């Protein structure tokens, strides 16, 4: 690891100003991903600005019945919160599937959203990677492809986003609050992360210096049931090959509402809007679920080494929706 300087900011505005002024600075919260990347010399900041104590570590009720999650709330606290477990079970399940207890104790809500891909070529500085070094090429195009994207990829990058929590938040229509050099703003979770296109080095739409301060969840619908299902190579805290965060509301045998997000398949949490549109108003049956999954995955463009992900994603979507249907009966 290269030497670096460390500062603990006293307020959000000061942290933002310092990061904008220092071109080789980075925010530090839990550090569970950043420190690993520094050890690999993938990330080489000259200055770390500790922001963990700047943002809230509390989960608070909103006037409309939703919840506000401070950016410094540890993943373990969020997963265990009784309100989250009762009203947003998909979120608690996603967090518990995402890492060991030790990592969840340290990882923060804001940091979880900003963790970087676990693509082996991104993490290996001896290989070509457009995300790490723009213009260098993408080694995955002719290399290891099992964990790579099948949706929304580009010729410059086929990496996937690693967060389980972000997939659940995408399905829940969460909103991210951000403080920046100019002002504060709110960003829908589904719009926070980017597809790679021609600039895969940019993971999010955040401008230089912007700091996530919290996440807001809308009030839950009493009839909307939710669940997270993750398929991985091993049960012991591996990253998802495919994951599904789904919420389903069924009335009189028909789908009244459906919210679905996929993980492990794209450069960002993938909101399955096509599948949702097919399901709304359709009979709540296996046939409808299969049709919806097929419609969503019609846009899939797998690589030779991960074509199995298409049927895997389809079957996981259908299985998750069937479980929710059974709960609704």
C-alpha atoms as a PDB file:
ATOM      1  CA  UNK A   1       0.000   0.000   0.000  1.00  0.00           C
ATOM      2  CA  UNK A   2       1.278   3.448  -0.885  1.00  0.00           C
ATOM      3  CA  UNK A   3       1.646   6.096   1.852  1.00  0.00           C
ATOM      4  CA  UNK A   4      -1.285   8.453   2.337  1.00  0.00           C
ATOM      5  CA  UNK A   5      -2.417  11.320   4.546  1.00  0.00           C
ATOM      6  CA  UNK A   6      -5.457  11.116   6.810  1.00  0.00           C
ATOM      7  CA  UNK A   7      -7.862  13.845   7.897  1.00  0.00           C
ATOM      8  CA  UNK A   8     -11.061  13.732   9.928  1.00  0.00           C
ATOM      9  CA  UNK A   9     -13.463  16.413   8.717  1.00  0.00           C
ATOM     10  CA  UNK A  10     -15.532  18.365  11.243  1.00  0.00           C
ATOM     11  CA  UNK A  11     -18.499  19.063   8.968  1.00  0.00           C
ATOM     12  CA  UNK A  12     -19.886  17.992   5.621  1.00  0.00           C
ATOM     13  CA  UNK A  13     -19.126  21.278   3.873  1.00  0.00           C
ATOM     14  CA  UNK A  14     -15.484  21.115   4.907  1.00  0.00           C
ATOM     15  CA  UNK A  15     -15.143  17.540   3.673  1.00  0.00           C
ATOM     16  CA  UNK A  16     -16.674  18.438   0.319  1.00  0.00           C
ATOM     17  CA  UNK A  17     -14.418  21.481  -0.075  1.00  0.00           C
ATOM     18  CA  UNK A  18     -11.304  19.464   0.726  1.00  0.00           C
ATOM     19  CA  UNK A  19     -12.158  16.694  -1.725  1.00  0.00           C
ATOM     20  CA  UNK A  20     -12.807  19.187  -4.511  1.00  0.00           C
ATOM     21  CA  UNK A  21      -9.513  20.966  -3.769  1.00  0.00           C
ATOM     22  CA  UNK A  22      -7.427  17.791  -3.522  1.00  0.00           C
ATOM     23  CA  UNK A  23      -7.403  15.884  -6.851  1.00  0.00           C
ATOM     24  CA  UNK A  24      -6.066  12.678  -5.287  1.00  0.00           C
ATOM     25  CA  UNK A  25      -8.304  12.568  -2.210  1.00  0.00           C
ATOM     26  CA  UNK A  26     -11.050  10.062  -1.361  1.00  0.00           C
ATOM     27  CA  UNK A  27     -13.758   9.789   1.266  1.00  0.00           C
ATOM     28  CA  UNK A  28     -13.339   7.081   3.896  1.00  0.00           C
ATOM     29  CA  UNK A  29     -16.271   5.618   5.851  1.00  0.00           C
ATOM     30  CA  UNK A  30     -16.129   1.918   6.756  1.00  0.00           C
ATOM     31  CA  UNK A  31     -13.284   1.298   4.306  1.00  0.00           C
ATOM     32  CA  UNK A  32     -14.247  -2.328   3.697  1.00  0.00           C
ATOM     33  CA  UNK A  33     -13.827  -1.952  -0.075  1.00  0.00           C
ATOM     34  CA  UNK A  34     -11.533   1.065  -0.377  1.00  0.00           C
ATOM     35  CA  UNK A  35      -8.801  -0.345   1.858  1.00  0.00           C
ATOM     36  CA  UNK A  36      -8.756  -3.579  -0.143  1.00  0.00           C
ATOM     37  CA  UNK A  37      -8.351  -1.596  -3.363  1.00  0.00           C
ATOM     38  CA  UNK A  38      -5.543   0.424  -1.794  1.00  0.00           C
ATOM     39  CA  UNK A  39      -3.726  -2.770  -0.843  1.00  0.00           C
ATOM     40  CA  UNK A  40      -4.011  -3.916  -4.450  1.00  0.00           C
ATOM     41  CA  UNK A  41      -2.901  -0.447  -5.630  1.00  0.00           C
ATOM     42  CA  UNK A  42      -6.041  -0.191  -7.724  1.00  0.00           C
ATOM     43  CA  UNK A  43      -6.908   2.885  -5.657  1.00  0.00           C
ATOM     44  CA  UNK A  44      -3.989   5.147  -4.719  1.00  0.00           C
ATOM     45  CA  UNK A  45      -5.393   8.194  -2.909  1.00  0.00           C
ATOM     46  CA  UNK A  46      -2.867  10.579  -1.378  1.00  0.00           C
ATOM     47  CA  UNK A  47      -5.426  11.810   1.167  1.00  0.00           C
ATOM     48  CA  UNK A  48      -8.245  10.013   2.977  1.00  0.00           C
ATOM     49  CA  UNK A  49     -11.009  12.190   4.426  1.00  0.00           C
ATOM     50  CA  UNK A  50     -12.816  10.378   7.230  1.00  0.00           C
ATOM     51  CA  UNK A  51     -16.541  11.147   6.900  1.00  0.00           C
ATOM     52  CA  UNK A  52     -18.020   8.403   9.058  1.00  0.00           C
ATOM     53  CA  UNK A  53     -18.925  10.786  11.898  1.00  0.00           C
ATOM     54  CA  UNK A  54     -20.276  13.493   9.587  1.00  0.00           C
ATOM     55  CA  UNK A  55     -23.467  11.778   8.504  1.00  0.00           C
ATOM     56  CA  UNK A  56     -26.214  10.245  10.590  1.00  0.00           C
ATOM     57  CA  UNK A  57     -25.921   6.720  11.967  1.00  0.00           C
ATOM     58  CA  UNK A  58     -29.638   6.616  12.788  1.00  0.00           C
ATOM     59  CA  UNK A  59     -32.736   5.186  11.129  1.00  0.00           C
ATOM     60  CA  UNK A  60     -35.569   7.691  11.484  1.00  0.00           C
ATOM     61  CA  UNK A  61     -39.276   7.761  10.714  1.00  0.00           C
ATOM     62  CA  UNK A  62     -40.397  10.137   7.960  1.00  0.00           C
ATOM     63  CA  UNK A  63     -43.696  12.048   8.193  1.00  0.00           C
ATOM     64  CA  UNK A  64     -45.185  10.047   5.297  1.00  0.00           C
ATOM     65  CA  UNK A  65     -44.520   6.696   6.976  1.00  0.00           C
ATOM     66  CA  UNK A  66     -41.252   5.941   5.218  1.00  0.00           C
ATOM     67  CA  UNK A  67     -37.781   5.699   6.736  1.00  0.00           C
ATOM     68  CA  UNK A  68     -34.647   7.797   6.448  1.00  0.00           C
ATOM     69  CA  UNK A  69     -31.411   5.814   6.731  1.00  0.00           C
ATOM     70  CA  UNK A  70     -28.320   7.827   7.602  1.00  0.00           C
ATOM     71  CA  UNK A  71     -25.318   7.214   5.374  1.00  0.00           C
ATOM     72  CA  UNK A  72     -23.258   6.097   8.392  1.00  0.00           C
ATOM     73  CA  UNK A  73     -25.737   3.425   9.540  1.00  0.00           C
ATOM     74  CA  UNK A  74     -23.810   0.126   9.642  1.00  0.00           C
ATOM     75  CA  UNK A  75     -25.160  -2.634   7.429  1.00  0.00           C
ATOM     76  CA  UNK A  76     -25.625  -4.875  10.474  1.00  0.00           C
ATOM     77  CA  UNK A  77     -27.798  -2.281  12.249  1.00  0.00           C
ATOM     78  CA  UNK A  78     -29.902  -1.722   9.155  1.00  0.00           C
ATOM     79  CA  UNK A  79     -30.479  -5.442   8.611  1.00  0.00           C
ATOM     80  CA  UNK A  80     -31.476  -5.965  12.250  1.00  0.00           C
ATOM     81  CA  UNK A  81     -33.773  -2.950  12.625  1.00  0.00           C
ATOM     82  CA  UNK A  82     -37.280  -4.193  13.491  1.00  0.00           C
ATOM     83  CA  UNK A  83     -38.968  -1.630  11.228  1.00  0.00           C
ATOM     84  CA  UNK A  84     -36.862  -2.680   8.254  1.00  0.00           C
ATOM     85  CA  UNK A  85     -37.434  -6.381   8.911  1.00  0.00           C
ATOM     86  CA  UNK A  86     -41.169  -5.886   9.250  1.00  0.00           C
ATOM     87  CA  UNK A  87     -41.867  -3.295   6.547  1.00  0.00           C
ATOM     88  CA  UNK A  88     -39.036  -3.872   4.058  1.00  0.00           C
ATOM     89  CA  UNK A  89     -37.990  -7.529   4.450  1.00  0.00           C
ATOM     90  CA  UNK A  90     -36.356  -7.557   1.008  1.00  0.00           C
ATOM     91  CA  UNK A  91     -33.793  -5.046   2.282  1.00  0.00           C
ATOM     92  CA  UNK A  92     -32.943  -6.952   5.436  1.00  0.00           C
ATOM     93  CA  UNK A  93     -32.624 -10.204   3.479  1.00  0.00           C
ATOM     94  CA  UNK A  94     -30.341  -8.584   0.904  1.00  0.00           C
ATOM     95  CA  UNK A  95     -28.031  -7.194   3.570  1.00  0.00           C
ATOM     96  CA  UNK A  96     -27.785 -10.503   5.400  1.00  0.00           C
ATOM     97  CA  UNK A  97     -26.865 -12.284   2.173  1.00  0.00           C
ATOM     98  CA  UNK A  98     -24.193  -9.756   1.282  1.00  0.00           C
ATOM     99  CA  UNK A  99     -21.287 -10.210   3.684  1.00  0.00           C
ATOM    100  CA  UNK A 100     -20.066 -11.715   6.929  1.00  0.00           C
ATOM    101  CA  UNK A 101     -21.140 -10.289  10.251  1.00  0.00           C
ATOM    102  CA  UNK A 102     -17.744  -8.669  10.761  1.00  0.00           C
ATOM    103  CA  UNK A 103     -17.957  -6.787   7.467  1.00  0.00           C
ATOM    104  CA  UNK A 104     -21.579  -5.754   8.063  1.00  0.00           C
ATOM    105  CA  UNK A 105     -20.566  -4.282  11.423  1.00  0.00           C
ATOM    106  CA  UNK A 106     -18.109  -1.946   9.694  1.00  0.00           C
ATOM    107  CA  UNK A 107     -19.645  -1.296   6.267  1.00  0.00           C
ATOM    108  CA  UNK A 108     -21.899   1.756   5.994  1.00  0.00           C
ATOM    109  CA  UNK A 109     -25.037   2.422   3.989  1.00  0.00           C
ATOM    110  CA  UNK A 110     -23.378   5.110   1.890  1.00  0.00           C
ATOM    111  CA  UNK A 111     -20.244   3.087   1.331  1.00  0.00           C
ATOM    112  CA  UNK A 112     -22.192  -0.009   0.320  1.00  0.00           C
ATOM    113  CA  UNK A 113     -23.798   1.928  -2.525  1.00  0.00           C
ATOM    114  CA  UNK A 114     -20.420   3.125  -3.782  1.00  0.00           C
ATOM    115  CA  UNK A 115     -18.463  -0.115  -3.622  1.00  0.00           C
ATOM    116  CA  UNK A 116     -16.684  -0.974  -6.836  1.00  0.00           C
ATOM    117  CA  UNK A 117     -16.930  -4.000  -9.070  1.00  0.00           C
ATOM    118  CA  UNK A 118     -15.228  -7.232  -8.087  1.00  0.00           C
ATOM    119  CA  UNK A 119     -14.249  -7.995 -11.689  1.00  0.00           C
ATOM    120  CA  UNK A 120     -10.899  -9.833 -11.417  1.00  0.00           C
ATOM    121  CA  UNK A 121      -9.399  -7.728 -14.200  1.00  0.00           C
ATOM    122  CA  UNK A 122     -10.314  -4.467 -12.470  1.00  0.00           C
ATOM    123  CA  UNK A 123      -8.634  -5.730  -9.301  1.00  0.00           C
ATOM    124  CA  UNK A 124      -5.464  -6.906 -11.084  1.00  0.00           C
ATOM    125  CA  UNK A 125      -3.249  -3.995 -12.091  1.00  0.00           C
ATOM    126  CA  UNK A 126      -1.261  -6.197 -14.489  1.00  0.00           C
ATOM    127  CA  UNK A 127      -4.272  -6.672 -16.791  1.00  0.00           C
ATOM    128  CA  UNK A 128      -6.024  -4.318 -19.200  1.00  0.00           C
ATOM    129  CA  UNK A 129      -9.150  -2.688 -17.772  1.00  0.00           C
ATOM    130  CA  UNK A 130     -10.997   0.336 -19.139  1.00  0.00           C
ATOM    131  CA  UNK A 131     -12.633   0.968 -15.767  1.00  0.00           C
ATOM    132  CA  UNK A 132      -9.266   1.230 -14.020  1.00  0.00           C
ATOM    133  CA  UNK A 133      -7.313   2.760 -16.933  1.00  0.00           C
ATOM    134  CA  UNK A 134      -9.561   4.313 -19.614  1.00  0.00           C
ATOM    135  CA  UNK A 135      -8.568   3.228 -23.087  1.00  0.00           C
ATOM    136  CA  UNK A 136      -6.552   0.208 -21.942  1.00  0.00           C
ATOM    137  CA  UNK A 137      -9.076  -2.363 -23.183  1.00  0.00           C
ATOM    138  CA  UNK A 138     -11.291  -4.946 -21.492  1.00  0.00           C
ATOM    139  CA  UNK A 139      -9.566  -8.232 -20.682  1.00  0.00           C
ATOM    140  CA  UNK A 140     -12.883  -9.929 -19.940  1.00  0.00           C
ATOM    141  CA  UNK A 141     -13.887  -9.804 -23.595  1.00  0.00           C
ATOM    142  CA  UNK A 142     -11.505 -12.693 -24.279  1.00  0.00           C
ATOM    143  CA  UNK A 143     -11.030 -13.950 -20.744  1.00  0.00           C
ATOM    144  CA  UNK A 144     -12.963 -15.057 -17.665  1.00  0.00           C
ATOM    145  CA  UNK A 145     -16.635 -14.228 -18.179  1.00  0.00           C
ATOM    146  CA  UNK A 146     -18.665 -16.213 -15.656  1.00  0.00           C
ATOM    147  CA  UNK A 147     -19.443 -13.251 -13.396  1.00  0.00           C
ATOM    148  CA  UNK A 148     -19.862 -10.651 -16.128  1.00  0.00           C
ATOM    149  CA  UNK A 149     -22.899  -8.697 -17.315  1.00  0.00           C
ATOM    150  CA  UNK A 150     -25.632  -9.876 -19.643  1.00  0.00           C
ATOM    151  CA  UNK A 151     -27.657  -6.640 -19.676  1.00  0.00           C
ATOM    152  CA  UNK A 152     -26.627  -3.068 -20.458  1.00  0.00           C
ATOM    153  CA  UNK A 153     -22.952  -3.817 -21.105  1.00  0.00           C
ATOM    154  CA  UNK A 154     -20.807  -2.146 -23.753  1.00  0.00           C
ATOM    155  CA  UNK A 155     -17.694  -3.063 -25.750  1.00  0.00           C
ATOM    156  CA  UNK A 156     -15.654  -1.102 -23.196  1.00  0.00           C
ATOM    157  CA  UNK A 157     -16.816  -2.919 -20.040  1.00  0.00           C
ATOM    158  CA  UNK A 158     -18.834  -5.977 -19.025  1.00  0.00           C
ATOM    159  CA  UNK A 159     -18.322  -5.724 -15.252  1.00  0.00           C
ATOM    160  CA  UNK A 160     -21.216  -6.085 -12.808  1.00  0.00           C
ATOM    161  CA  UNK A 161     -22.173  -4.080  -9.736  1.00  0.00           C
ATOM    162  CA  UNK A 162     -21.546  -6.079  -6.533  1.00  0.00           C
ATOM    163  CA  UNK A 163     -24.004  -4.617  -4.002  1.00  0.00           C
ATOM    164  CA  UNK A 164     -26.937  -6.704  -2.758  1.00  0.00           C
ATOM    165  CA  UNK A 165     -28.339  -3.821  -0.740  1.00  0.00           C
ATOM    166  CA  UNK A 166     -28.502  -1.569  -3.810  1.00  0.00           C
ATOM    167  CA  UNK A 167     -30.603  -4.137  -5.678  1.00  0.00           C
ATOM    168  CA  UNK A 168     -33.180  -4.190  -2.882  1.00  0.00           C
ATOM    169  CA  UNK A 169     -33.204  -0.394  -2.684  1.00  0.00           C
ATOM    170  CA  UNK A 170     -33.771  -0.184  -6.440  1.00  0.00           C
ATOM    171  CA  UNK A 171     -36.866  -2.370  -6.120  1.00  0.00           C
ATOM    172  CA  UNK A 172     -38.107  -0.242  -3.209  1.00  0.00           C
ATOM    173  CA  UNK A 173     -37.925   3.052  -5.155  1.00  0.00           C
ATOM    174  CA  UNK A 174     -35.424   4.460  -2.663  1.00  0.00           C
ATOM    175  CA  UNK A 175     -34.056   7.988  -2.986  1.00  0.00           C
ATOM    176  CA  UNK A 176     -30.457   8.960  -2.172  1.00  0.00           C
ATOM    177  CA  UNK A 177     -29.717  12.336  -0.560  1.00  0.00           C
ATOM    178  CA  UNK A 178     -26.431  13.966  -1.531  1.00  0.00           C
ATOM    179  CA  UNK A 179     -24.448  17.024  -0.381  1.00  0.00           C
ATOM    180  CA  UNK A 180     -22.132  18.657  -2.885  1.00  0.00           C
ATOM    181  CA  UNK A 181     -20.110  21.755  -3.727  1.00  0.00           C
ATOM    182  CA  UNK A 182     -23.097  23.597  -5.181  1.00  0.00           C
ATOM    183  CA  UNK A 183     -26.081  22.342  -3.202  1.00  0.00           C
ATOM    184  CA  UNK A 184     -27.876  19.327  -1.833  1.00  0.00           C
ATOM    185  CA  UNK A 185     -29.871  17.118  -4.163  1.00  0.00           C
ATOM    186  CA  UNK A 186     -31.950  13.961  -4.243  1.00  0.00           C
ATOM    187  CA  UNK A 187     -31.300  11.131  -6.692  1.00  0.00           C
ATOM    188  CA  UNK A 188     -33.509   8.138  -7.315  1.00  0.00           C
ATOM    189  CA  UNK A 189     -31.541   5.003  -6.519  1.00  0.00           C
ATOM    190  CA  UNK A 190     -32.278   3.653  -9.989  1.00  0.00           C
ATOM    191  CA  UNK A 191     -30.545   6.724 -11.436  1.00  0.00           C
ATOM    192  CA  UNK A 192     -27.523   6.801  -9.116  1.00  0.00           C
ATOM    193  CA  UNK A 193     -25.459   4.166 -10.911  1.00  0.00           C
ATOM    194  CA  UNK A 194     -24.514   4.295 -14.591  1.00  0.00           C
ATOM    195  CA  UNK A 195     -24.235   1.831 -17.421  1.00  0.00           C
ATOM    196  CA  UNK A 196     -20.667   1.708 -18.786  1.00  0.00           C
ATOM    197  CA  UNK A 197     -21.239   3.047 -22.312  1.00  0.00           C
ATOM    198  CA  UNK A 198     -17.969   4.739 -23.398  1.00  0.00           C
ATOM    199  CA  UNK A 199     -16.903   5.834 -19.895  1.00  0.00           C
ATOM    200  CA  UNK A 200     -16.876   2.754 -17.631  1.00  0.00           C
ATOM    201  CA  UNK A 201     -14.535   4.467 -15.173  1.00  0.00           C
ATOM    202  CA  UNK A 202     -17.571   6.399 -13.913  1.00  0.00           C
ATOM    203  CA  UNK A 203     -19.699   4.146 -11.698  1.00  0.00           C
ATOM    204  CA  UNK A 204     -22.253   6.776 -10.659  1.00  0.00           C
ATOM    205  CA  UNK A 205     -23.699  10.152 -11.630  1.00  0.00           C
ATOM    206  CA  UNK A 206     -22.129  11.800  -8.561  1.00  0.00           C
ATOM    207  CA  UNK A 207     -20.022  14.867  -9.291  1.00  0.00           C
ATOM    208  CA  UNK A 208     -16.582  15.355  -7.791  1.00  0.00           C
ATOM    209  CA  UNK A 209     -16.936  16.082  -4.082  1.00  0.00           C
ATOM    210  CA  UNK A 210     -20.535  14.945  -3.697  1.00  0.00           C
ATOM    211  CA  UNK A 211     -21.151  12.950  -0.539  1.00  0.00           C
ATOM    212  CA  UNK A 212     -24.065  10.605   0.143  1.00  0.00           C
ATOM    213  CA  UNK A 213     -25.762  11.711   3.370  1.00  0.00           C
ATOM    214  CA  UNK A 214     -28.702   9.313   3.532  1.00  0.00           C
ATOM    215  CA  UNK A 215     -31.237   7.070   1.839  1.00  0.00           C
ATOM    216  CA  UNK A 216     -35.001   7.555   2.030  1.00  0.00           C
ATOM    217  CA  UNK A 217     -37.500   4.727   1.696  1.00  0.00           C
ATOM    218  CA  UNK A 218     -41.094   5.449   0.657  1.00  0.00           C
ATOM    219  CA  UNK A 219     -43.891   4.214   2.917  1.00  0.00           C
ATOM    220  CA  UNK A 220     -44.587   0.516   2.371  1.00  0.00           C
ATOM    221  CA  UNK A 221     -47.911  -0.682   1.022  1.00  0.00           C
ATOM    222  CA  UNK A 222     -49.546  -3.069   3.472  1.00  0.00           C
ATOM    223  CA  UNK A 223     -50.447  -5.566   0.715  1.00  0.00           C
ATOM    224  CA  UNK A 224     -47.033  -5.467  -1.001  1.00  0.00           C
ATOM    225  CA  UNK A 225     -44.888  -8.439  -0.005  1.00  0.00           C
ATOM    226  CA  UNK A 226     -41.166  -8.493  -0.746  1.00  0.00           C
ATOM    227  CA  UNK A 227     -38.326 -10.986  -0.915  1.00  0.00           C
ATOM    228  CA  UNK A 228     -34.660 -11.222  -1.923  1.00  0.00           C
ATOM    229  CA  UNK A 229     -33.244 -14.305  -3.601  1.00  0.00           C
ATOM    230  CA  UNK A 230     -29.561 -14.721  -4.398  1.00  0.00           C
ATOM    231  CA  UNK A 231     -27.852 -17.385  -6.500  1.00  0.00           C
ATOM    232  CA  UNK A 232     -24.103 -17.724  -6.011  1.00  0.00           C
ATOM    233  CA  UNK A 233     -21.336 -20.260  -6.436  1.00  0.00           C
ATOM    234  CA  UNK A 234     -21.156 -20.922  -2.696  1.00  0.00           C
ATOM    235  CA  UNK A 235     -23.398 -20.077   0.228  1.00  0.00           C
ATOM    236  CA  UNK A 236     -20.612 -18.479   2.259  1.00  0.00           C
ATOM    237  CA  UNK A 237     -20.789 -14.824   1.225  1.00  0.00           C
ATOM    238  CA  UNK A 238     -19.990 -15.005  -2.473  1.00  0.00           C
ATOM    239  CA  UNK A 239     -21.100 -12.283  -4.851  1.00  0.00           C
ATOM    240  CA  UNK A 240     -24.246 -12.943  -6.849  1.00  0.00           C
ATOM    241  CA  UNK A 241     -24.267 -14.690 -10.181  1.00  0.00           C
ATOM    242  CA  UNK A 242     -27.900 -13.562 -10.272  1.00  0.00           C
ATOM    243  CA  UNK A 243     -30.059 -12.005  -7.582  1.00  0.00           C
ATOM    244  CA  UNK A 244     -33.675 -10.869  -7.557  1.00  0.00           C
ATOM    245  CA  UNK A 245     -35.321  -8.306  -5.301  1.00  0.00           C
ATOM    246  CA  UNK A 246     -39.069  -8.434  -5.812  1.00  0.00           C
ATOM    247  CA  UNK A 247     -42.233  -7.001  -4.309  1.00  0.00           C
ATOM    248  CA  UNK A 248     -45.658  -8.251  -5.360  1.00  0.00           C
ATOM    249  CA  UNK A 249     -49.237  -7.224  -4.689  1.00  0.00           C
ATOM    250  CA  UNK A 250     -52.043  -9.554  -5.780  1.00  0.00           C
ATOM    251  CA  UNK A 251     -55.754  -8.701  -5.687  1.00  0.00           C
ATOM    252  CA  UNK A 252     -58.517 -11.115  -6.784  1.00  0.00           C
ATOM    253  CA  UNK A 253     -56.060 -13.362  -8.568  1.00  0.00           C
ATOM    254  CA  UNK A 254     -54.430 -10.599 -10.606  1.00  0.00           C
ATOM    255  CA  UNK A 255     -51.157  -8.723 -10.184  1.00  0.00           C
ATOM    256  CA  UNK A 256     -51.971  -5.233  -8.990  1.00  0.00           C
ATOM    257  CA  UNK A 257     -48.366  -4.118  -8.568  1.00  0.00           C
ATOM    258  CA  UNK A 258     -44.908  -5.603  -9.094  1.00  0.00           C
ATOM    259  CA  UNK A 259     -41.457  -4.205  -8.457  1.00  0.00           C
ATOM    260  CA  UNK A 260     -38.442  -6.197  -9.540  1.00  0.00           C
ATOM    261  CA  UNK A 261     -34.713  -5.499  -9.606  1.00  0.00           C
ATOM    262  CA  UNK A 262     -31.897  -7.803 -10.680  1.00  0.00           C
ATOM    263  CA  UNK A 263     -28.350  -8.048  -9.390  1.00  0.00           C
ATOM    264  CA  UNK A 264     -25.264  -9.720 -10.815  1.00  0.00           C
ATOM    265  CA  UNK A 265     -26.376  -9.078 -14.385  1.00  0.00           C
ATOM    266  CA  UNK A 266     -25.401  -5.475 -15.170  1.00  0.00           C
ATOM    267  CA  UNK A 267     -23.073  -2.571 -14.394  1.00  0.00           C
ATOM    268  CA  UNK A 268     -25.802  -1.231 -12.079  1.00  0.00           C
ATOM    269  CA  UNK A 269     -28.765  -2.647 -10.157  1.00  0.00           C
ATOM    270  CA  UNK A 270     -31.129  -3.511 -13.010  1.00  0.00           C
ATOM    271  CA  UNK A 271     -34.735  -2.418 -12.516  1.00  0.00           C
ATOM    272  CA  UNK A 272     -36.873  -4.860 -14.497  1.00  0.00           C
ATOM    273  CA  UNK A 273     -39.376  -2.325 -15.809  1.00  0.00           C
ATOM    274  CA  UNK A 274     -40.346  -4.441 -18.817  1.00  0.00           C
ATOM    275  CA  UNK A 275     -41.246  -7.399 -16.613  1.00  0.00           C
ATOM    276  CA  UNK A 276     -43.184  -5.123 -14.268  1.00  0.00           C
ATOM    277  CA  UNK A 277     -45.240  -3.722 -17.135  1.00  0.00           C
ATOM    278  CA  UNK A 278     -46.079  -7.211 -18.389  1.00  0.00           C
ATOM    279  CA  UNK A 279     -47.182  -8.311 -14.923  1.00  0.00           C
ATOM    280  CA  UNK A 280     -49.434  -5.422 -13.924  1.00  0.00           C
ATOM    281  CA  UNK A 281     -53.011  -6.507 -14.529  1.00  0.00           C
ATOM    282  CA  UNK A 282     -51.998 -10.012 -15.616  1.00  0.00           C
ATOM    283  CA  UNK A 283     -53.213 -13.185 -13.883  1.00  0.00           C
ATOM    284  CA  UNK A 284     -50.997 -14.090 -10.936  1.00  0.00           C
ATOM    285  CA  UNK A 285     -49.832 -17.394 -12.403  1.00  0.00           C
ATOM    286  CA  UNK A 286     -46.602 -19.161 -13.256  1.00  0.00           C
ATOM    287  CA  UNK A 287     -47.336 -18.551 -16.938  1.00  0.00           C
ATOM    288  CA  UNK A 288     -47.509 -14.791 -16.391  1.00  0.00           C
ATOM    289  CA  UNK A 289     -44.291 -14.825 -14.387  1.00  0.00           C
ATOM    290  CA  UNK A 290     -42.501 -16.796 -17.122  1.00  0.00           C
ATOM    291  CA  UNK A 291     -43.746 -14.387 -19.796  1.00  0.00           C
ATOM    292  CA  UNK A 292     -42.619 -11.370 -17.774  1.00  0.00           C
ATOM    293  CA  UNK A 293     -39.142 -12.793 -17.165  1.00  0.00           C
ATOM    294  CA  UNK A 294     -38.756 -13.679 -20.832  1.00  0.00           C
ATOM    295  CA  UNK A 295     -39.778 -10.178 -21.870  1.00  0.00           C
ATOM    296  CA  UNK A 296     -37.207  -8.609 -19.550  1.00  0.00           C
ATOM    297  CA  UNK A 297     -34.388 -10.865 -20.676  1.00  0.00           C
ATOM    298  CA  UNK A 298     -35.084 -10.472 -24.376  1.00  0.00           C
ATOM    299  CA  UNK A 299     -32.534  -7.643 -24.272  1.00  0.00           C
ATOM    300  CA  UNK A 300     -29.819  -9.851 -22.752  1.00  0.00           C
ATOM    301  CA  UNK A 301     -26.551 -10.062 -24.677  1.00  0.00           C
ATOM    302  CA  UNK A 302     -24.519 -12.723 -22.899  1.00  0.00           C
ATOM    303  CA  UNK A 303     -20.889 -13.543 -23.556  1.00  0.00           C
ATOM    304  CA  UNK A 304     -19.806 -17.088 -24.467  1.00  0.00           C
ATOM    305  CA  UNK A 305     -18.745 -17.711 -20.877  1.00  0.00           C
ATOM    306  CA  UNK A 306     -21.910 -16.554 -19.126  1.00  0.00           C
ATOM    307  CA  UNK A 307     -24.797 -17.520 -21.408  1.00  0.00           C
ATOM    308  CA  UNK A 308     -26.091 -19.686 -18.545  1.00  0.00           C
ATOM    309  CA  UNK A 309     -27.042 -16.502 -16.716  1.00  0.00           C
ATOM    310  CA  UNK A 310     -30.018 -15.885 -18.999  1.00  0.00           C
ATOM    311  CA  UNK A 311     -31.997 -19.000 -17.999  1.00  0.00           C
ATOM    312  CA  UNK A 312     -30.661 -18.649 -14.455  1.00  0.00           C
ATOM    313  CA  UNK A 313     -32.043 -15.114 -14.195  1.00  0.00           C
ATOM    314  CA  UNK A 314     -35.349 -16.193 -15.723  1.00  0.00           C
ATOM    315  CA  UNK A 315     -35.782 -19.120 -13.362  1.00  0.00           C
ATOM    316  CA  UNK A 316     -34.762 -17.068 -10.318  1.00  0.00           C
ATOM    317  CA  UNK A 317     -37.279 -14.354 -11.164  1.00  0.00           C
ATOM    318  CA  UNK A 318     -40.060 -16.886 -11.592  1.00  0.00           C
ATOM    319  CA  UNK A 319     -39.172 -18.755  -8.387  1.00  0.00           C
ATOM    320  CA  UNK A 320     -39.087 -15.525  -6.358  1.00  0.00           C
ATOM    321  CA  UNK A 321     -42.456 -14.363  -7.671  1.00  0.00           C
ATOM    322  CA  UNK A 322     -43.997 -17.770  -6.987  1.00  0.00           C
ATOM    323  CA  UNK A 323     -42.765 -17.607  -3.385  1.00  0.00           C
ATOM    324  CA  UNK A 324     -44.368 -14.179  -2.985  1.00  0.00           C
ATOM    325  CA  UNK A 325     -47.588 -15.446  -4.539  1.00  0.00           C
ATOM    326  CA  UNK A 326     -47.686 -18.293  -2.047  1.00  0.00           C
ATOM    327  CA  UNK A 327     -47.202 -15.828   0.823  1.00  0.00           C
ATOM    328  CA  UNK A 328     -50.091 -13.730  -0.450  1.00  0.00           C
ATOM    329  CA  UNK A 329     -52.561 -16.627  -0.330  1.00  0.00           C
END
